[in-house]
Protein backbone atom coordinates (compact mmCIF):
# COMPACT_ATOMS: atom_id res chain seq x y z
CA MET A 1 109.89 5.32 -39.02
CA PRO A 2 110.35 4.74 -42.75
CA LEU A 3 107.36 3.62 -44.81
CA VAL A 4 106.57 -0.10 -44.46
CA PRO A 5 104.61 -2.61 -46.59
CA MET A 6 101.24 -3.79 -45.28
CA THR A 7 102.85 -7.14 -44.49
CA ALA A 8 104.59 -5.39 -41.57
CA PHE A 9 101.41 -5.71 -39.50
CA LEU A 10 99.72 -8.62 -41.29
CA GLU A 11 100.54 -11.33 -38.75
CA ASP A 12 99.50 -9.16 -35.80
CA VAL A 13 96.22 -8.33 -37.54
CA LYS A 14 95.41 -12.02 -37.98
CA LYS A 15 96.56 -13.03 -34.51
CA HIS A 16 94.70 -10.32 -32.57
CA LYS A 17 91.64 -9.97 -34.85
CA TYR A 18 91.64 -6.27 -35.64
CA ALA A 19 91.72 -4.19 -38.81
CA VAL A 20 94.07 -1.44 -39.94
CA GLY A 21 92.37 1.55 -41.47
CA GLN A 22 93.23 2.90 -44.89
CA PHE A 23 92.57 6.63 -44.90
CA ASN A 24 92.99 8.44 -48.19
CA LEU A 25 95.37 11.35 -48.67
CA ASN A 26 93.70 14.20 -50.52
CA ASN A 27 95.98 17.07 -49.51
CA LEU A 28 98.40 18.13 -46.75
CA GLU A 29 95.67 18.62 -44.16
CA PHE A 30 94.34 15.08 -44.63
CA THR A 31 97.88 13.73 -44.29
CA GLN A 32 98.52 15.70 -41.09
CA ALA A 33 95.19 14.71 -39.56
CA ILE A 34 95.67 10.98 -40.26
CA THR A 35 99.28 11.09 -39.04
CA GLU A 36 98.46 12.84 -35.76
CA ALA A 37 95.59 10.42 -35.12
CA ALA A 38 97.90 7.42 -35.67
CA LYS A 39 100.56 8.95 -33.42
CA GLU A 40 98.11 9.67 -30.59
CA GLU A 41 96.37 6.29 -30.87
CA LYS A 42 99.64 4.37 -31.30
CA SER A 43 98.03 2.69 -34.30
CA PRO A 44 99.48 1.35 -37.54
CA VAL A 45 97.91 3.13 -40.48
CA ILE A 46 97.65 2.94 -44.26
CA PHE A 47 97.83 6.07 -46.40
CA GLY A 48 95.58 5.36 -49.38
CA VAL A 49 96.29 7.25 -52.60
CA SER A 50 93.98 6.98 -55.58
CA GLU A 51 95.08 7.71 -59.12
CA GLY A 52 92.90 10.84 -58.98
CA ALA A 53 94.73 12.05 -55.88
CA LEU A 54 98.07 11.37 -57.59
CA LYS A 55 97.02 13.58 -60.51
CA TYR A 56 95.95 16.29 -58.08
CA MET A 57 98.92 16.24 -55.68
CA GLY A 58 101.67 14.99 -57.98
CA LEU A 59 103.56 11.72 -57.49
CA ASP A 60 106.73 13.34 -56.08
CA TYR A 61 104.84 15.56 -53.63
CA THR A 62 102.72 12.62 -52.48
CA VAL A 63 105.69 10.40 -51.67
CA ALA A 64 107.64 13.23 -50.02
CA ILE A 65 104.70 14.19 -47.79
CA ALA A 66 104.02 10.55 -46.88
CA LYS A 67 107.66 9.90 -45.98
CA ALA A 68 107.80 13.01 -43.79
CA ALA A 69 104.53 11.99 -42.11
CA ALA A 70 105.75 8.44 -41.46
CA GLU A 71 108.89 9.75 -39.77
CA ARG A 72 106.79 12.05 -37.60
CA ALA A 73 104.21 9.38 -36.72
CA GLY A 74 106.65 6.92 -35.18
CA VAL A 75 104.26 4.05 -35.94
CA PRO A 76 104.09 1.65 -38.92
CA VAL A 77 102.79 3.59 -41.95
CA ALA A 78 102.18 2.05 -45.38
CA LEU A 79 101.87 4.22 -48.48
CA HIS A 80 99.39 2.31 -50.62
CA LEU A 81 98.21 2.83 -54.20
CA ASP A 82 94.42 2.41 -54.17
CA HIS A 83 92.72 0.86 -57.22
CA GLY A 84 95.78 0.81 -59.47
CA SER A 85 94.44 0.44 -62.99
CA SER A 86 97.46 -0.98 -64.81
CA PHE A 87 100.85 -2.61 -64.42
CA ASP A 88 102.51 0.61 -65.62
CA VAL A 89 100.81 2.75 -62.96
CA VAL A 90 101.71 0.23 -60.27
CA MET A 91 105.37 0.15 -61.34
CA LYS A 92 105.56 3.94 -61.50
CA CYS A 93 104.35 4.14 -57.88
CA ILE A 94 106.76 1.42 -56.72
CA ARG A 95 109.70 3.19 -58.36
CA ALA A 96 108.64 6.47 -56.73
CA GLY A 97 108.69 4.96 -53.23
CA PHE A 98 105.25 3.47 -52.50
CA SER A 99 105.52 0.61 -49.99
CA SER A 100 102.28 -1.08 -51.05
CA VAL A 101 100.09 -1.25 -54.15
CA MET A 102 96.66 -2.44 -55.17
CA PHE A 103 96.07 -3.77 -58.63
CA ASP A 104 92.37 -3.70 -59.37
CA GLY A 105 91.71 -6.27 -62.07
CA SER A 106 88.15 -6.95 -60.91
CA HIS A 107 86.66 -5.71 -64.18
CA TYR A 108 88.54 -8.39 -66.12
CA PRO A 109 87.42 -12.02 -66.49
CA LEU A 110 88.79 -14.19 -63.67
CA GLU A 111 91.61 -15.79 -65.70
CA GLU A 112 92.87 -12.42 -66.91
CA ASN A 113 92.58 -10.90 -63.44
CA ILE A 114 94.70 -13.76 -62.07
CA ARG A 115 97.29 -13.41 -64.85
CA LEU A 116 97.70 -9.66 -64.46
CA THR A 117 97.68 -9.74 -60.65
CA LYS A 118 100.35 -12.47 -60.60
CA LYS A 119 102.53 -10.23 -62.76
CA VAL A 120 102.13 -7.37 -60.29
CA VAL A 121 102.78 -9.62 -57.28
CA GLU A 122 105.98 -11.00 -58.83
CA ALA A 123 107.37 -7.52 -59.52
CA ALA A 124 106.26 -5.98 -56.21
CA HIS A 125 107.39 -8.82 -53.96
CA ALA A 126 110.82 -8.76 -55.60
CA VAL A 127 111.39 -5.32 -54.04
CA GLY A 128 109.55 -5.88 -50.75
CA VAL A 129 106.30 -4.12 -51.69
CA SER A 130 102.98 -5.59 -50.54
CA VAL A 131 100.06 -6.18 -52.92
CA GLU A 132 96.29 -6.06 -52.61
CA GLY A 133 94.11 -7.72 -55.23
CA GLU A 134 90.37 -7.48 -55.84
CA LEU A 135 87.62 -9.86 -56.88
CA GLY A 136 83.98 -8.98 -57.52
CA THR A 137 82.72 -5.50 -58.33
CA ILE A 138 82.20 -2.93 -55.59
CA GLY A 139 79.47 -0.39 -56.32
CA GLY A 140 79.45 3.36 -55.78
CA VAL A 141 81.66 6.23 -56.87
CA GLU A 142 85.32 6.82 -56.03
CA ASP A 143 87.33 9.34 -58.05
CA ASP A 144 86.83 8.32 -61.69
CA LEU A 145 85.48 4.87 -60.73
CA SER A 146 81.70 4.62 -60.94
CA VAL A 147 79.74 1.38 -60.68
CA ASP A 148 75.93 1.36 -60.61
CA GLU A 149 74.36 -0.66 -57.83
CA GLU A 150 72.77 -3.05 -60.28
CA ASP A 151 76.19 -3.70 -61.87
CA ALA A 152 77.91 -4.51 -58.57
CA ALA A 153 78.71 -8.21 -58.32
CA LEU A 154 79.40 -10.18 -55.15
CA ALA A 155 82.57 -12.24 -55.06
CA ASN A 156 82.23 -15.99 -55.56
CA PRO A 157 83.95 -17.64 -52.55
CA ALA A 158 85.42 -20.53 -54.55
CA GLU A 159 86.82 -18.12 -57.15
CA ALA A 160 88.19 -15.84 -54.42
CA ILE A 161 90.02 -18.75 -52.77
CA ARG A 162 91.44 -19.86 -56.11
CA PHE A 163 92.43 -16.26 -56.90
CA TRP A 164 94.47 -16.04 -53.70
CA GLU A 165 96.04 -19.47 -54.14
CA GLU A 166 97.27 -18.57 -57.62
CA THR A 167 98.28 -14.93 -57.02
CA GLN A 168 99.45 -14.97 -53.38
CA VAL A 169 98.34 -11.38 -52.83
CA ASP A 170 99.02 -10.11 -49.30
CA TYR A 171 95.50 -8.67 -48.84
CA LEU A 172 92.36 -9.57 -50.75
CA ALA A 173 89.49 -7.19 -51.43
CA ILE A 174 86.22 -8.97 -52.21
CA ALA A 175 82.82 -7.52 -53.03
CA VAL A 176 80.51 -8.41 -50.12
CA GLY A 177 77.81 -5.76 -50.30
CA THR A 178 79.60 -2.53 -49.39
CA ALA A 179 79.97 0.42 -51.75
CA HIS A 180 82.21 3.42 -52.26
CA GLY A 181 80.71 6.67 -50.95
CA MET A 182 77.98 7.15 -48.35
CA TYR A 183 74.98 4.81 -48.14
CA LYS A 184 71.35 5.79 -48.67
CA GLY A 185 70.29 2.87 -46.48
CA GLU A 186 72.07 0.25 -44.39
CA PRO A 187 74.45 -1.93 -46.44
CA LYS A 188 73.66 -5.65 -46.53
CA ILE A 189 77.06 -7.19 -45.91
CA ARG A 190 77.56 -10.89 -46.67
CA PHE A 191 79.49 -11.95 -43.58
CA ASP A 192 79.21 -15.58 -44.70
CA ILE A 193 81.29 -14.82 -47.81
CA ILE A 194 83.92 -13.02 -45.71
CA GLU A 195 84.15 -15.93 -43.28
CA GLU A 196 84.30 -18.65 -45.93
CA VAL A 197 87.05 -16.92 -47.90
CA ALA A 198 89.06 -15.74 -44.87
CA SER A 199 89.11 -19.20 -43.31
CA ASN A 200 90.57 -20.71 -46.48
CA ILE A 201 93.30 -18.22 -47.41
CA GLY A 202 96.38 -16.79 -45.72
CA ALA A 203 95.55 -13.13 -46.35
CA PRO A 204 93.26 -10.73 -44.48
CA ILE A 205 90.10 -9.59 -46.27
CA VAL A 206 89.80 -5.92 -47.26
CA LEU A 207 86.53 -4.06 -46.82
CA HIS A 208 86.20 -1.25 -49.34
CA GLY A 209 83.49 1.33 -48.78
CA GLY A 210 83.86 1.50 -44.99
CA SER A 211 82.32 4.97 -44.64
CA GLY A 212 78.86 4.88 -43.11
CA VAL A 213 78.86 1.16 -42.28
CA PRO A 214 77.24 0.66 -38.83
CA ASP A 215 79.71 -0.02 -36.02
CA GLU A 216 78.22 -3.43 -35.22
CA SER A 217 78.59 -4.50 -38.87
CA ILE A 218 82.22 -3.40 -38.79
CA ARG A 219 82.85 -5.49 -35.65
CA LYS A 220 81.16 -8.53 -37.23
CA ALA A 221 83.22 -8.12 -40.42
CA ILE A 222 86.47 -7.99 -38.44
CA ALA A 223 85.47 -11.07 -36.45
CA ALA A 224 84.78 -12.84 -39.77
CA GLY A 225 88.24 -12.08 -41.17
CA VAL A 226 88.47 -8.47 -42.36
CA GLY A 227 91.90 -7.02 -41.59
CA LYS A 228 91.87 -3.76 -43.59
CA ILE A 229 89.05 -1.23 -43.90
CA ASN A 230 89.03 1.70 -46.31
CA VAL A 231 87.58 5.03 -45.19
CA ASN A 232 87.58 8.23 -47.23
CA THR A 233 84.11 9.70 -47.68
CA GLU A 234 83.49 10.28 -43.96
CA ASN A 235 86.73 12.26 -43.76
CA GLN A 236 85.77 14.30 -46.82
CA VAL A 237 82.34 15.03 -45.32
CA ALA A 238 83.85 16.10 -41.97
CA CYS A 239 86.33 18.35 -43.76
CA THR A 240 83.82 19.99 -46.08
CA GLU A 241 81.08 20.47 -43.48
CA THR A 242 83.55 22.21 -41.16
CA ILE A 243 84.73 24.57 -43.91
CA ARG A 244 81.15 25.37 -44.96
CA LYS A 245 80.17 26.14 -41.37
CA ILE A 246 83.11 28.49 -40.83
CA LEU A 247 82.65 30.34 -44.11
CA ALA A 248 78.90 30.67 -43.52
CA ALA A 249 79.62 32.32 -40.16
CA LYS A 250 82.52 34.41 -41.52
CA PRO A 251 81.88 35.02 -45.24
CA ASN A 252 84.74 37.53 -45.46
CA GLU A 253 87.36 35.08 -44.15
CA ILE A 254 90.18 34.74 -46.71
CA ASP A 255 92.94 33.07 -44.68
CA PRO A 256 92.78 29.36 -45.64
CA ARG A 257 94.51 28.40 -42.40
CA LYS A 258 91.49 29.68 -40.46
CA TYR A 259 89.18 27.10 -42.06
CA LEU A 260 91.58 24.35 -43.11
CA GLY A 261 92.98 24.09 -39.58
CA PRO A 262 89.60 23.29 -37.99
CA ALA A 263 88.80 20.99 -40.94
CA ARG A 264 92.01 19.10 -40.21
CA GLU A 265 90.91 18.63 -36.59
CA ALA A 266 87.52 17.32 -37.76
CA ILE A 267 89.21 14.72 -39.96
CA LYS A 268 91.50 13.71 -37.10
CA GLU A 269 88.52 13.05 -34.82
CA VAL A 270 86.91 10.79 -37.44
CA VAL A 271 90.14 8.83 -37.89
CA ILE A 272 90.63 8.41 -34.13
CA GLY A 273 87.09 7.06 -33.82
CA LYS A 274 87.69 4.57 -36.64
CA MET A 275 90.98 3.36 -35.19
CA ARG A 276 89.29 2.63 -31.88
CA LEU A 277 86.41 0.89 -33.64
CA PHE A 278 88.75 -1.19 -35.80
CA GLY A 279 90.77 -2.26 -32.75
CA SER A 280 94.09 -0.94 -34.12
CA SER A 281 94.71 1.56 -31.29
CA ASN A 282 97.73 0.63 -29.15
CA ARG A 283 98.79 -2.06 -31.66
CA ALA A 284 101.85 -0.16 -32.95
């Protein structure tokens, strides 16, 4: 199948109360692992690509790999820019072939965030590309984004509802207590904020920082209105731990296929587990 916008599965997500996972592409092995998991689970999936990953892989390589993967998967696959920092970056990705984009204006005052996000939505929707917006500040570290825990700010429900009404983003990320990266303790998720916002807007809520969140909290978040969950760190940990284990046992191994292959399988197992937890298996 060709790449699709996230709106391709939006109505089914809302109707059947499940979430589609966004799993970040970091290299070819991550792409293959996520694709094979989606194919086996018959699950829609979102390829997340950060600006850091774009710098590493190259825009043209990223789109080419994603398109080839989507054709192989045979299920709905969205290629989504994660935390787009500017209108120019967003437009560059749309022109290159991304089917979905996130504009992260959460660090701006509300009025400016609304103004800039509306501009992105207008341009993206004109060419059939879906848009995710963000309100509140999500803590933790992701690529070049770093927000101290004390600087993280929960989304105000009234502001979040107004933000959606004025921007008409297709998916809305709100800060509800999760963080990028792995947690030192158990995250305190504000399910009441998720429920209040979700019940008053026409877009699913996005949960950033899905790695390490307890399964029961994930289920509660989905029941409250979360329809997209971002996972990257758990895949990175599975990949790196597998490579370290192999190289520790075979320090003279020089063939990257001998450790990247098993690492790819480890990532795939994480993704399959998440798809089943999110309820997206057999929804394609």
